């Protein structure tokens, strides 16, 4: 996934917000994600914000999709 974002130029600035780019926890803790994205702002705090953001988005989507709205007749 990261390779795809690096190949396509205009997608490169959005790669920092894609969840699968943060699955390697050792790279996050060592700071290798900053080198991978060529962005010094990619820190542990940024990765936690990305995880939190994706958690909220996924919860909201699942809540709206799977909440039944029963109509009593």
Protein backbone atom coordinates (compact mmCIF):
# COMPACT_ATOMS: atom_id res chain seq x y z
CA UNK A 1 0.00 0.00 0.00
CA UNK A 2 2.80 2.41 0.85
CA UNK A 3 4.50 1.67 -2.45
CA UNK A 4 1.33 2.62 -4.32
CA UNK A 5 1.13 5.94 -2.52
CA UNK A 6 4.80 6.68 -3.22
CA UNK A 7 4.41 5.86 -6.92
CA UNK A 8 1.45 8.15 -7.44
CA UNK A 9 2.62 11.66 -6.65
CA UNK A 10 -0.60 13.37 -5.62
CA UNK A 11 -1.52 10.51 -3.26
CA UNK A 12 1.79 10.78 -1.40
CA UNK A 13 0.54 13.53 0.91
CA UNK A 14 -2.42 11.34 1.97
CA UNK A 15 -0.31 8.26 2.77
CA UNK A 16 0.27 9.49 6.30
CA UNK A 17 -3.45 9.06 7.04
CA UNK A 18 -3.88 5.51 5.70
CA UNK A 19 -4.27 2.94 8.46
CA UNK A 20 -2.28 0.00 6.96
CA UNK A 21 0.83 2.19 6.84
CA UNK A 22 0.92 2.11 10.64
CA UNK A 23 0.72 -1.65 11.21
CA UNK A 24 4.45 -2.02 11.90
CA UNK A 25 4.71 -0.95 15.54
CA UNK A 26 8.50 -1.22 15.67
CA UNK A 27 8.78 1.24 12.78
CA UNK A 28 6.50 3.64 14.65
CA UNK A 29 8.48 3.39 17.88
CA UNK A 30 11.87 3.70 16.14
CA UNK A 31 10.71 6.64 14.02
CA UNK A 32 11.12 4.83 10.72
CA UNK A 33 7.70 6.00 9.54
CA UNK A 34 9.07 9.55 9.34
CA UNK A 35 11.75 8.28 6.95
CA UNK A 36 9.25 6.14 5.03
CA UNK A 37 6.88 9.07 4.46
CA UNK A 38 9.71 11.62 4.21
CA UNK A 39 7.75 13.62 6.75
CA UNK A 40 9.28 14.57 10.12
CA UNK A 41 5.77 15.17 11.51
CA UNK A 42 5.06 11.43 11.40
CA UNK A 43 5.61 10.68 15.07
CA UNK A 44 4.17 8.33 17.68
CA UNK A 45 1.54 10.95 18.54
CA UNK A 46 0.54 11.28 14.91
CA UNK A 47 0.12 7.54 14.62
CA UNK A 48 -2.08 7.47 17.73
CA UNK A 49 -4.24 10.24 16.27
CA UNK A 50 -4.55 8.28 13.02
CA UNK A 51 -5.55 5.15 14.95
CA UNK A 52 -8.08 7.12 16.99
CA UNK A 53 -9.50 8.79 13.89
CA UNK A 54 -9.91 5.49 12.06
CA UNK A 55 -11.51 3.95 15.15
CA UNK A 56 -14.09 6.73 15.33
CA UNK A 57 -14.80 6.59 11.59
CA UNK A 58 -15.19 2.80 11.56
CA UNK A 59 -17.42 2.89 14.64
CA UNK A 60 -19.67 5.56 13.15
CA UNK A 61 -20.00 3.67 9.87
CA UNK A 62 -20.82 0.41 11.63
CA UNK A 63 -23.24 2.14 13.98
CA UNK A 64 -25.23 3.69 11.14
CA UNK A 65 -25.14 0.57 8.96
CA UNK A 66 -25.98 -2.03 11.58
CA UNK A 67 -28.44 -0.16 13.81
CA UNK A 68 -31.91 -1.49 13.16
CA UNK A 69 -34.73 0.95 12.95
CA UNK A 70 -37.80 -1.01 13.88
CA UNK A 71 -41.17 0.41 13.00
CA UNK A 72 -44.02 -0.71 15.19
CA UNK A 73 -47.28 -1.01 13.31
